[in-house]
Protein backbone atom coordinates (compact mmCIF):
# COMPACT_ATOMS: atom_id res chain seq x y z
CA MET A 1 111.32 102.57 54.91
CA LYS A 2 113.70 101.47 57.36
CA ALA A 3 113.20 98.91 58.21
CA LYS A 4 111.79 99.98 59.10
CA LYS A 5 113.29 96.99 59.42
CA TRP A 6 111.65 96.86 55.82
CA LEU A 7 110.74 93.22 55.82
CA GLY A 8 112.50 90.16 55.27
CA ILE A 9 112.99 88.35 51.68
CA GLY A 10 110.07 86.52 51.51
CA VAL A 11 107.60 89.11 53.35
CA ALA A 12 109.28 91.95 50.82
CA VAL A 13 108.02 89.68 47.88
CA THR A 14 104.39 88.58 49.58
CA MET A 15 103.90 91.78 50.87
CA LEU A 16 103.26 93.32 47.48
CA SER A 17 99.61 91.71 47.36
CA SER A 18 98.69 93.48 49.88
CA VAL A 19 100.34 96.88 49.45
CA ALA A 20 101.69 96.93 46.30
CA LEU A 21 105.03 97.29 47.74
CA VAL A 22 106.86 100.82 46.97
CA GLY A 23 106.58 101.75 43.78
CA CYS A 24 107.16 104.98 41.18
CA GLY A 25 103.91 106.94 42.82
CA SER A 26 101.96 106.57 39.81
CA ASP A 27 98.96 104.09 39.07
CA ASP A 28 100.20 100.71 37.80
CA LYS A 29 100.32 98.89 35.01
CA ALA A 30 97.73 96.21 36.89
CA SER A 31 95.50 98.69 37.48
CA THR A 32 94.67 100.35 34.33
CA ASN A 33 92.12 97.59 33.46
CA THR A 34 88.78 99.04 32.23
CA GLY A 35 85.51 96.91 33.25
CA ASP A 36 81.79 97.36 33.31
CA SER A 37 80.26 99.74 35.77
CA THR A 38 77.34 100.48 34.70
CA LYS A 39 75.89 97.65 36.39
CA ALA A 40 74.32 98.49 39.63
CA ALA A 41 76.36 99.49 42.93
CA GLU A 42 78.32 96.78 43.61
CA ALA A 43 80.08 95.16 47.01
CA GLN A 44 82.85 97.54 47.62
CA GLU A 45 85.01 94.84 49.38
CA ILE A 46 88.61 93.64 48.53
CA ASN A 47 90.17 90.98 49.35
CA LEU A 48 94.24 90.97 49.99
CA ALA A 49 97.02 89.59 51.89
CA LEU A 50 98.99 89.96 54.40
CA ALA A 51 103.16 88.15 54.47
CA ASP A 52 103.30 87.93 57.73
CA GLU A 53 101.70 89.09 61.22
CA ILE A 54 101.80 92.86 61.45
CA PRO A 55 104.26 93.84 64.52
CA SER A 56 102.72 96.57 65.68
CA LEU A 57 100.09 99.73 64.97
CA ASP A 58 102.54 102.11 66.98
CA SER A 59 103.41 104.56 64.92
CA SER A 60 106.26 105.64 66.89
CA LYS A 61 107.23 101.90 67.35
CA ALA A 62 106.62 100.91 63.92
CA THR A 63 109.25 99.78 62.03
CA ASP A 64 108.42 97.33 58.80
CA ASN A 65 106.51 97.62 55.38
CA ILE A 66 103.95 96.05 56.78
CA ALA A 67 102.85 98.08 59.77
CA PHE A 68 103.68 101.06 57.70
CA ASN A 69 100.99 100.08 55.08
CA MET A 70 98.27 99.25 57.45
CA LEU A 71 99.02 102.67 58.98
CA GLY A 72 98.76 104.19 55.92
CA GLN A 73 94.93 102.86 55.35
CA VAL A 74 93.63 103.59 58.88
CA MET A 75 95.60 106.67 59.88
CA GLU A 76 96.49 110.00 58.27
CA GLY A 77 99.24 112.87 58.71
CA LEU A 78 99.40 116.49 57.85
CA THR A 79 99.82 115.27 54.38
CA ARG A 80 98.90 112.63 52.26
CA LEU A 81 100.98 111.94 48.58
CA ASP A 82 99.16 112.14 45.44
CA LYS A 83 99.98 110.04 42.04
CA SER A 84 103.15 111.26 41.52
CA GLY A 85 103.89 111.39 45.42
CA LYS A 86 104.11 115.17 46.23
CA ALA A 87 102.64 116.52 49.49
CA VAL A 88 99.00 117.25 48.92
CA PRO A 89 96.51 118.27 51.99
CA GLY A 90 95.29 116.00 54.66
CA VAL A 91 94.73 116.66 58.10
CA ALA A 92 96.69 119.69 57.37
CA LYS A 93 94.09 121.96 54.93
CA ASP A 94 97.45 124.01 53.74
CA TRP A 95 100.78 125.18 54.87
CA LYS A 96 103.53 127.81 55.02
CA VAL A 97 106.84 127.54 54.99
CA SER A 98 109.22 130.76 56.13
CA ASP A 99 111.71 132.42 53.41
CA ASP A 100 114.74 130.49 55.25
CA GLY A 101 112.81 126.85 54.59
CA LEU A 102 113.48 126.10 58.63
CA THR A 103 109.75 126.68 59.75
CA TYR A 104 106.56 124.96 58.75
CA THR A 105 102.80 126.53 59.78
CA PHE A 106 100.44 123.56 58.90
CA ASN A 107 96.83 125.09 59.48
CA LEU A 108 94.46 121.62 60.06
CA ARG A 109 90.92 121.25 58.77
CA ASP A 110 88.34 121.38 61.36
CA ASP A 111 86.11 118.04 60.22
CA SER A 112 89.20 115.85 61.21
CA LYS A 113 88.68 113.21 63.14
CA TRP A 114 89.50 110.15 65.25
CA SER A 115 86.99 107.54 64.86
CA ASP A 116 85.75 107.76 68.44
CA GLY A 117 84.11 111.15 66.81
CA THR A 118 86.25 113.58 68.91
CA ASN A 119 88.22 115.89 66.46
CA VAL A 120 91.96 115.79 65.52
CA THR A 121 93.48 118.74 66.89
CA ALA A 122 97.92 120.06 66.69
CA LYS A 123 97.89 119.01 69.97
CA ASP A 124 97.95 115.59 68.93
CA PHE A 125 100.71 116.03 66.79
CA GLU A 126 102.88 117.32 68.90
CA TYR A 127 102.07 115.07 71.53
CA ALA A 128 102.90 112.16 69.00
CA TRP A 129 106.07 113.33 67.83
CA LYS A 130 107.20 114.15 71.72
CA ARG A 131 106.28 110.93 72.66
CA THR A 132 108.70 109.28 69.40
CA LEU A 133 111.47 111.44 70.75
CA ASP A 134 110.92 110.77 74.41
CA PRO A 135 114.13 108.58 75.25
CA LYS A 136 111.64 106.28 77.51
CA THR A 137 110.01 105.28 74.14
CA ALA A 138 112.63 104.41 72.80
CA SER A 139 111.57 104.56 68.84
CA GLN A 140 114.18 103.26 66.56
CA TYR A 141 112.53 106.17 63.93
CA ALA A 142 113.76 108.74 66.23
CA PHE A 143 116.30 109.95 64.24
CA MET A 144 113.56 111.32 61.33
CA LEU A 145 111.75 114.09 64.44
CA ALA A 146 115.44 114.97 65.04
CA TRP A 147 115.49 117.13 62.09
CA VAL A 148 113.20 119.33 64.30
CA LYS A 149 114.80 121.77 66.27
CA GLY A 150 115.81 120.19 70.03
CA GLY A 151 114.69 116.85 68.87
CA ASP A 152 118.15 115.48 68.78
CA ALA A 153 119.31 116.68 72.11
CA TYR A 154 115.75 115.43 73.77
CA ASN A 155 116.15 112.25 72.07
CA GLN A 156 119.59 111.72 73.37
CA GLY A 157 118.48 112.93 76.69
CA LYS A 158 120.45 115.97 76.61
CA GLY A 159 117.20 118.80 76.29
CA THR A 160 113.15 119.10 77.38
CA ALA A 161 110.59 118.18 75.43
CA ASP A 162 109.85 122.10 75.54
CA GLU A 163 112.85 122.51 73.56
CA VAL A 164 111.46 120.52 70.93
CA GLY A 165 110.72 122.60 67.83
CA VAL A 166 106.83 121.35 67.58
CA LYS A 167 104.30 123.67 69.16
CA ALA A 168 100.43 123.41 68.88
CA LYS A 169 99.96 127.41 68.64
CA ASP A 170 96.43 126.51 69.01
CA ASP A 171 93.92 123.30 67.93
CA LYS A 172 94.00 124.00 64.32
CA THR A 173 97.82 125.17 64.24
CA LEU A 174 101.00 123.79 64.42
CA VAL A 175 104.28 125.49 63.74
CA VAL A 176 107.26 123.36 63.35
CA THR A 177 111.20 124.61 63.82
CA LEU A 178 113.78 122.43 61.81
CA GLU A 179 117.48 122.54 62.48
CA HIS A 180 118.31 122.78 58.67
CA PRO A 181 115.99 123.03 55.42
CA VAL A 182 114.61 119.69 54.58
CA PRO A 183 113.79 119.67 51.11
CA PHE A 184 111.61 116.65 51.28
CA PHE A 185 109.86 117.42 54.45
CA ALA A 186 106.48 117.87 53.12
CA GLU A 187 105.88 114.88 51.54
CA GLN A 188 107.80 113.40 54.72
CA MET A 189 104.23 114.84 56.60
CA SER A 190 102.78 111.50 54.97
CA PHE A 191 105.00 109.06 56.71
CA PRO A 192 103.72 106.88 59.43
CA LEU A 193 105.84 108.57 62.01
CA PHE A 194 104.57 112.17 61.77
CA TYR A 195 100.72 110.70 62.35
CA PRO A 196 99.36 111.64 65.20
CA GLN A 197 98.62 110.32 68.17
CA LYS A 198 95.59 110.82 71.15
CA LYS A 199 97.19 110.87 74.54
CA GLU A 200 94.44 110.56 76.06
CA PHE A 201 93.69 107.12 75.03
CA VAL A 202 97.55 106.08 74.33
CA GLU A 203 98.07 106.94 78.08
CA SER A 204 94.73 104.47 78.94
CA LYS A 205 96.13 101.68 76.60
CA ALA A 206 99.89 102.27 78.22
CA ASP A 207 102.28 99.37 76.95
CA LYS A 208 99.25 97.40 74.90
CA TYR A 209 98.76 100.69 72.58
CA GLY A 210 99.06 99.30 69.38
CA GLY A 211 99.25 95.57 69.80
CA ASP A 212 95.34 94.87 69.06
CA ALA A 213 92.38 96.27 67.09
CA ASP A 214 90.53 98.28 69.93
CA LYS A 215 94.15 99.49 71.47
CA VAL A 216 94.48 101.98 68.51
CA LEU A 217 92.30 104.98 67.48
CA PHE A 218 91.86 105.88 63.91
CA ASN A 219 91.60 109.11 61.92
CA GLY A 220 92.20 107.92 58.45
CA PRO A 221 90.05 106.77 55.33
CA PHE A 222 89.73 102.68 57.29
CA LYS A 223 89.54 101.62 60.88
CA MET A 224 90.52 98.14 61.80
CA THR A 225 87.85 96.23 63.23
CA SER A 226 89.44 92.42 63.40
CA TRP A 227 92.94 91.41 64.04
CA VAL A 228 93.02 87.77 64.78
CA HIS A 229 96.83 87.55 64.94
CA GLU A 230 98.77 85.52 62.71
CA GLN A 231 95.70 85.16 60.61
CA SER A 232 93.95 88.14 59.35
CA ALA A 233 92.82 92.00 59.71
CA THR A 234 89.78 93.56 58.72
CA LEU A 235 89.24 97.06 57.95
CA GLU A 236 86.02 99.05 57.54
CA LYS A 237 85.61 102.65 56.00
CA ASN A 238 85.78 105.00 59.07
CA ASP A 239 82.20 107.35 58.93
CA ASN A 240 84.22 109.64 60.72
CA TYR A 241 87.00 110.30 57.98
CA TRP A 242 87.02 114.06 56.80
CA ASP A 243 86.24 113.10 53.31
CA LYS A 244 84.71 109.31 53.54
CA GLY A 245 82.78 110.92 50.18
CA SER A 246 86.29 110.02 48.31
CA VAL A 247 86.39 106.41 49.85
CA LYS A 248 84.72 103.43 47.55
CA LEU A 249 85.59 101.08 49.78
CA THR A 250 83.47 99.91 52.60
CA LYS A 251 85.55 96.79 53.73
CA ALA A 252 89.20 95.05 52.93
CA ASN A 253 89.90 91.41 54.05
CA TYR A 254 93.59 90.68 54.64
CA GLN A 255 94.78 87.15 55.29
CA VAL A 256 98.09 86.03 56.32
CA VAL A 257 99.84 84.37 53.14
CA LYS A 258 103.62 83.38 53.21
CA ASP A 259 103.42 80.92 50.34
CA SER A 260 103.61 82.27 47.28
CA GLY A 261 101.99 78.57 45.70
CA ALA A 262 99.46 79.54 47.65
CA LEU A 263 98.86 83.41 46.90
CA GLU A 264 98.78 81.91 43.45
CA ASN A 265 95.49 79.33 44.21
CA LEU A 266 94.12 81.92 45.74
CA TYR A 267 94.05 84.37 43.47
CA GLN A 268 92.84 81.67 40.90
CA ALA A 269 90.08 80.72 43.03
CA GLY A 270 89.14 84.28 43.80
CA GLN A 271 89.80 84.75 47.07
CA LEU A 272 92.38 87.25 46.66
CA ASP A 273 92.33 90.43 44.66
CA ARG A 274 95.74 91.00 44.25
CA ILE A 275 98.94 89.39 44.31
CA ALA A 276 102.81 89.44 44.19
CA LEU A 277 104.58 86.82 41.95
CA VAL A 278 107.95 85.19 41.48
CA ARG A 279 110.10 82.62 39.49
CA ASP A 280 107.82 80.66 37.74
CA GLN A 281 104.92 82.51 38.00
CA ILE A 282 106.50 85.89 36.22
CA ASP A 283 106.40 83.99 32.73
CA ARG A 284 102.86 81.66 33.32
CA TYR A 285 101.21 85.06 33.70
CA LYS A 286 103.41 87.89 31.48
CA ASP A 287 101.40 87.97 29.20
CA SER A 288 97.77 88.30 30.81
CA LYS A 289 96.00 91.67 30.70
CA GLU A 290 96.30 91.16 34.66
CA PHE A 291 99.80 91.26 34.59
CA GLY A 292 101.37 94.38 35.96
CA THR A 293 104.81 95.58 37.25
CA VAL A 294 105.49 97.73 40.37
CA PRO A 295 108.72 100.11 40.17
CA GLU A 296 110.70 100.12 43.97
CA LEU A 297 113.25 101.83 45.42
CA THR A 298 114.23 98.76 47.51
CA ASN A 299 117.94 96.88 48.13
CA GLY A 300 118.33 93.92 49.69
CA TYR A 301 122.18 93.02 51.93
CA PHE A 302 124.02 91.26 54.14
CA GLN A 303 124.34 93.27 57.47
CA TYR A 304 127.65 91.38 59.26
CA ASN A 305 127.24 91.79 62.97
CA GLU A 306 130.96 93.14 64.04
CA LYS A 307 130.18 92.19 67.76
CA ASN A 308 131.48 88.67 65.90
CA LYS A 309 135.22 88.95 65.49
CA LEU A 310 135.04 87.39 62.21
CA PHE A 311 133.33 90.47 61.19
CA THR A 312 135.72 93.01 61.99
CA ASN A 313 137.65 92.36 59.06
CA ALA A 314 136.65 93.78 55.82
CA LYS A 315 138.57 91.40 53.35
CA VAL A 316 136.21 89.11 55.06
CA ARG A 317 132.91 91.08 54.73
CA LYS A 318 134.45 91.84 51.10
CA ALA A 319 134.23 88.32 50.10
CA LEU A 320 131.30 86.92 51.34
CA THR A 321 129.84 89.66 49.42
CA TYR A 322 131.95 89.52 46.14
CA ALA A 323 130.97 85.40 46.25
CA VAL A 324 127.45 85.90 45.54
CA ASP A 325 126.41 86.57 42.35
CA GLY A 326 123.48 89.22 42.60
CA ASP A 327 121.93 88.96 38.71
CA GLN A 328 121.83 85.16 39.51
CA TYR A 329 120.48 85.41 42.56
CA ALA A 330 118.01 88.13 41.06
CA ASP A 331 117.05 85.79 38.34
CA ILE A 332 116.72 82.48 40.59
CA VAL A 333 115.01 83.92 43.46
CA TYR A 334 112.49 86.70 42.17
CA HIS A 335 113.14 86.46 38.18
CA ASN A 336 110.90 89.57 38.10
CA GLY A 337 112.50 92.56 36.46
CA THR A 338 114.89 92.11 40.12
CA LYS A 339 118.81 93.20 39.39
CA GLY A 340 122.19 92.47 41.32
CA ALA A 341 122.88 95.65 43.30
CA THR A 342 125.81 97.87 41.95
CA GLY A 343 125.96 99.93 44.74
CA PHE A 344 124.04 100.34 48.03
CA VAL A 345 121.90 102.86 47.14
CA PRO A 346 119.10 101.51 44.10
CA THR A 347 118.66 102.69 40.63
CA GLY A 348 116.18 105.19 40.31
CA THR A 349 117.02 106.96 43.55
CA SER A 350 116.78 110.58 42.86
CA ASN A 351 120.00 112.46 42.58
CA GLY A 352 118.08 115.88 43.44
CA ASN A 353 118.16 117.27 40.08
CA GLY A 354 116.27 115.01 37.44
CA GLY A 355 118.70 112.11 37.51
CA ASP A 356 119.67 108.95 39.19
CA PHE A 357 122.03 108.77 41.79
CA ARG A 358 123.20 105.44 41.04
CA ALA A 359 123.80 106.56 37.44
CA ASP A 360 125.80 109.37 39.06
CA ASN A 361 127.97 107.51 41.02
CA GLY A 362 128.73 104.53 38.96
CA ASP A 363 129.54 100.61 39.75
CA LEU A 364 130.60 100.38 43.27
CA ILE A 365 130.80 96.94 43.20
CA LYS A 366 132.00 95.33 40.05
CA ARG A 367 130.80 91.73 41.31
CA LYS A 368 132.13 90.15 38.13
CA GLU A 369 135.58 91.34 38.41
CA ASN A 370 135.69 90.73 42.42
CA ALA A 371 134.27 87.35 42.18
CA ALA A 372 137.84 86.10 41.28
CA LYS A 373 139.17 87.54 44.07
CA ALA A 374 136.58 86.20 46.73
CA LYS A 375 138.37 83.28 47.83
CA ASP A 376 142.18 84.79 48.20
CA LEU A 377 139.85 88.11 50.19
CA LEU A 378 138.72 85.52 52.64
CA ALA A 379 142.17 83.63 53.64
CA GLU A 380 143.87 86.94 53.67
CA GLY A 381 141.39 88.22 56.25
CA LEU A 382 141.07 85.04 58.55
CA LYS A 383 144.55 85.55 58.48
CA GLU A 384 144.90 88.55 59.64
CA LEU A 385 142.88 87.41 62.26
CA GLY A 386 144.70 85.11 63.52
CA MET A 387 142.19 82.33 62.30
CA THR A 388 143.33 78.80 60.31
CA SER A 389 139.91 78.05 59.17
CA PHE A 390 136.11 79.72 58.71
CA PRO A 391 134.21 79.49 61.87
CA ALA A 392 130.75 78.28 62.40
CA THR A 393 128.78 80.70 61.41
CA LYS A 394 125.13 81.14 60.92
CA MET A 395 122.89 83.32 58.67
CA LEU A 396 119.16 84.47 59.74
CA SER A 397 116.30 85.19 57.31
CA ASP A 398 112.74 84.78 57.18
CA ASP A 399 111.03 81.86 56.79
CA GLY A 400 108.42 82.85 53.62
CA ASP A 401 109.28 80.05 51.10
CA VAL A 402 111.13 83.03 49.07
CA SER A 403 113.60 83.90 51.94
CA LYS A 404 114.14 79.81 52.00
CA LYS A 405 115.02 79.72 48.33
CA ALA A 406 117.07 83.03 48.83
CA SER A 407 118.97 81.50 51.82
CA GLU A 408 119.55 78.28 50.02
CA PHE A 409 121.02 79.51 46.89
CA ILE A 410 123.30 81.89 49.48
CA LYS A 411 124.50 78.92 51.23
CA GLU A 412 125.24 76.96 47.98
CA GLN A 413 127.60 80.12 46.41
CA TRP A 414 129.58 79.77 49.64
CA ARG A 415 129.95 76.67 49.32
CA GLN A 416 131.02 76.35 45.32
CA ASN A 417 132.52 79.68 45.87
CA LEU A 418 134.68 79.73 49.48
CA GLY A 419 134.44 76.44 49.92
CA ILE A 420 133.12 77.20 53.51
CA ASP A 421 129.51 75.86 54.86
CA VAL A 422 127.16 78.47 56.95
CA GLU A 423 124.61 77.61 58.68
CA VAL A 424 120.93 79.05 57.75
CA GLU A 425 118.44 79.81 60.43
CA ASN A 426 115.21 80.80 58.73
CA VAL A 427 112.58 82.20 61.60
CA PRO A 428 109.68 84.37 61.27
CA PHE A 429 109.57 87.90 60.34
CA LYS A 430 108.87 89.46 63.36
CA LEU A 431 111.65 87.23 65.50
CA ARG A 432 113.72 87.89 62.98
CA LEU A 433 113.09 92.16 63.40
CA LYS A 434 113.93 91.74 66.78
CA ARG A 435 117.17 89.63 66.44
CA THR A 436 118.46 91.73 64.17
CA THR A 437 117.45 94.92 66.62
CA ASP A 438 119.19 92.58 69.40
CA ARG A 439 122.10 92.01 67.42
CA ASP A 440 121.34 88.02 68.05
CA TYR A 441 123.30 87.52 64.22
CA ASP A 442 126.10 86.68 62.36
CA ILE A 443 125.24 87.53 59.10
CA VAL A 444 121.18 88.57 58.59
CA VAL A 445 119.77 89.04 55.47
CA SER A 446 117.82 92.99 55.27
CA LEU A 447 115.75 94.43 53.12
CA TRP A 448 115.57 98.33 52.85
CA GLY A 449 113.08 100.53 50.73
CA ALA A 450 112.73 104.18 50.77
CA ASP A 451 111.56 106.50 53.15
CA TYR A 452 111.46 109.35 50.34
CA ASN A 453 113.24 108.93 47.19
CA ASP A 454 116.55 110.85 48.27
CA PRO A 455 119.66 109.15 48.86
CA MET A 456 120.30 109.91 52.42
CA THR A 457 116.73 107.60 53.77
CA PHE A 458 119.89 104.81 52.47
CA LEU A 459 122.95 105.87 53.93
CA ASP A 460 122.06 107.73 57.02
CA MET A 461 121.22 104.61 58.83
CA TRP A 462 125.02 103.78 58.86
CA VAL A 463 126.37 106.80 60.81
CA THR A 464 128.28 105.72 64.15
CA GLY A 465 125.00 104.96 66.71
CA GLY A 466 122.24 105.36 64.29
CA ASP A 467 119.23 103.41 65.48
CA PHE A 468 119.21 101.27 62.38
CA ASN A 469 122.52 100.49 62.22
CA GLU A 470 122.58 97.07 63.83
CA ASN A 471 125.98 95.97 62.72
CA GLY A 472 128.08 97.88 64.83
CA TYR A 473 129.50 99.92 61.91
CA SER A 474 132.01 103.36 62.18
CA ASN A 475 133.69 105.51 60.09
CA ALA A 476 134.38 108.98 61.17
CA LYS A 477 134.94 110.37 57.73
CA TYR A 478 131.32 108.30 56.92
CA ASP A 479 129.98 110.59 59.49
CA ASP A 480 131.51 113.70 58.94
CA LEU A 481 130.00 113.74 55.29
CA ILE A 482 126.31 112.45 56.24
CA HIS A 483 126.29 115.48 58.80
CA SER A 484 127.63 117.39 56.26
CA ALA A 485 124.66 116.55 53.89
CA GLN A 486 122.26 116.93 56.18
CA LYS A 487 123.04 119.94 57.13
CA GLU A 488 124.54 121.15 53.52
CA ALA A 489 121.82 124.30 51.97
CA ASP A 490 123.72 123.63 48.40
CA PRO A 491 122.04 120.80 46.36
CA LYS A 492 125.45 120.22 44.26
CA LYS A 493 127.35 119.86 47.19
CA ARG A 494 125.16 117.64 49.35
CA MET A 495 124.97 115.13 46.35
CA GLN A 496 128.77 115.57 46.13
CA SER A 497 129.07 114.27 50.36
CA MET A 498 126.36 111.66 49.74
CA TYR A 499 128.52 110.44 46.88
CA ASP A 500 131.61 110.07 48.88
CA ALA A 501 129.84 108.68 51.41
CA GLU A 502 128.49 105.85 49.43
CA LYS A 503 131.77 104.99 48.11
CA ILE A 504 133.77 104.58 51.61
CA LEU A 505 130.85 102.72 52.62
CA MET A 506 131.29 100.28 49.91
CA GLU A 507 134.84 100.22 50.30
CA ASP A 508 134.78 99.41 53.85
CA MET A 509 131.57 96.67 53.54
CA PRO A 510 129.91 96.53 56.69
CA VAL A 511 126.46 95.72 54.28
CA GLY A 512 127.01 93.35 51.40
CA PRO A 513 124.44 94.62 48.77
CA ILE A 514 123.01 91.79 47.08
CA PHE A 515 119.83 93.36 44.95
CA PHE A 516 117.92 96.18 43.68
CA ARG A 517 114.51 94.45 43.75
CA ALA A 518 111.98 95.20 40.78
CA SER A 519 107.97 93.97 41.27
CA ALA A 520 105.59 91.87 39.35
CA VAL A 521 101.70 91.76 40.49
CA LEU A 522 98.28 90.21 39.11
CA THR A 523 95.54 92.56 39.91
CA LYS A 524 91.51 91.57 39.05
CA PRO A 525 90.37 93.60 36.51
CA TYR A 526 87.28 95.34 38.57
CA VAL A 527 89.92 96.43 41.05
CA LYS A 528 90.36 100.38 40.01
CA GLY A 529 92.28 103.42 41.15
CA TRP A 530 95.24 101.37 43.09
CA VAL A 531 98.42 103.77 43.05
CA THR A 532 101.76 102.85 44.64
CA HIS A 533 104.59 105.38 46.29
CA VAL A 534 108.21 104.95 46.53
CA SER A 535 107.95 105.62 50.30
CA ALA A 536 105.84 104.13 53.27
CA PRO A 537 102.61 103.93 53.26
CA SER A 538 103.29 102.61 49.42
CA SER A 539 100.35 101.87 48.86
CA ASP A 540 96.79 103.61 49.23
CA LEU A 541 93.42 102.61 49.08
CA LYS A 542 91.60 105.32 49.86
CA GLY A 543 90.74 105.69 45.81
CA VAL A 544 90.66 101.62 45.12
CA SER A 545 87.22 100.51 44.02
CA ILE A 546 85.54 97.60 42.36
CA GLU A 547 83.89 97.86 39.12
CA GLY A 548 82.26 94.72 36.99
CA LYS A 549 83.37 92.16 39.29
CA ASN A 550 79.60 91.17 38.62
């Protein structure tokens, strides 16, 4: 999900307690316990944690996993994802695809309604998508809608909204024409960027849309009834939802908890029903029946801001990357199955043919081999820049306890292995996102989770001028390979372009991969039906129920 900004280190970990983070698309181990469901009806209420404040519930402007997962509970797109990550009907009861794969015709169900009781129409999708593409909206995620015919031209100010290939043929028929075939387009319709918006409501709220519980209109299984900023949020079952009979929970209570120790205490006190685990917590609970693992497609990496002269040099960027032991980082900071990164695209990402992209493209980091070269690379890079010493430099990261531990580890690695002292700035998640977007940093620790299970979700962000290219990287050959892959119909040629592009990215090292994240969780045995996905929204409360708690 692209940071989206996707999360900082602390957010990434603790967010698991509320959204299970990105998973393999099936029930994880911790949610398969059985309990006594023979008792009288129990209170269908679940208590979860948020790692930080929800930045926004405007689906055109949201960029992070906290927002995406909350939107996934209160909104619904044309499709939803089943347990295996495949598209199933959502607002659209069915759809047809033209033989050339360019035109999708979605037929909307008659009983899909907004939380105010009005009908969800095809016009709500057309409006939302074009609002996202409108340059005035300044959506960082507009690049995904640029795949729609005329979308990129409109977003770049070179075309009009009328020329965009999304049309409401009538209230219940939406026709979408693409620039080129997108093999995962039906699955993408479940991604929050593609959710509908009711024009009259959005325009009535103006710039406050998405900023409070009463500033959003909902069409999903739940509706938000309370949002106390920086503290909590409450969801209640949406009685206007078309499939309300399948929704078991009546309420989901969220509270903001940034500290992993506090999460554990709240779980043990029965005040939280699911949490993430890190470090020594793993060893304490790994034999518990409530312990489970959640596979992910998430990487963690340094972004080097090329506005800073220091980071215009590839040798400097490589030195800082190679000097940090990714495997040691993964064990000390997480100790939950997270591994040191061997490239930019995480292990488990599909190669489009039933295999693994990472396995195909091999180890591009070779961290142990290159660690010994790091100090010499730094010296060479500084000399090329005309610098006699390493200048004052700051590293930006989140302020959760996991982020702070990670920052300490990185700082010490650079001190030991490079002889440099980097100042650490730990700031709230929302501020870290803003400062990264504003390019107000030297080095920032970022994470990225898959928007869909394909290497393109990790690679297209680094094209010249890309919305999430927040470090200023530019390589014409890289751009050509990515643009070629985006248009290529032959799966093998498409994938080869991405193999080659990743090799260029790791040779230039504008971003320094640190780890591929895994997750471990505790889930109360009475929580049933928890499902995780590898893309946002990474969890789905629609099928969750409480059984055997009392």
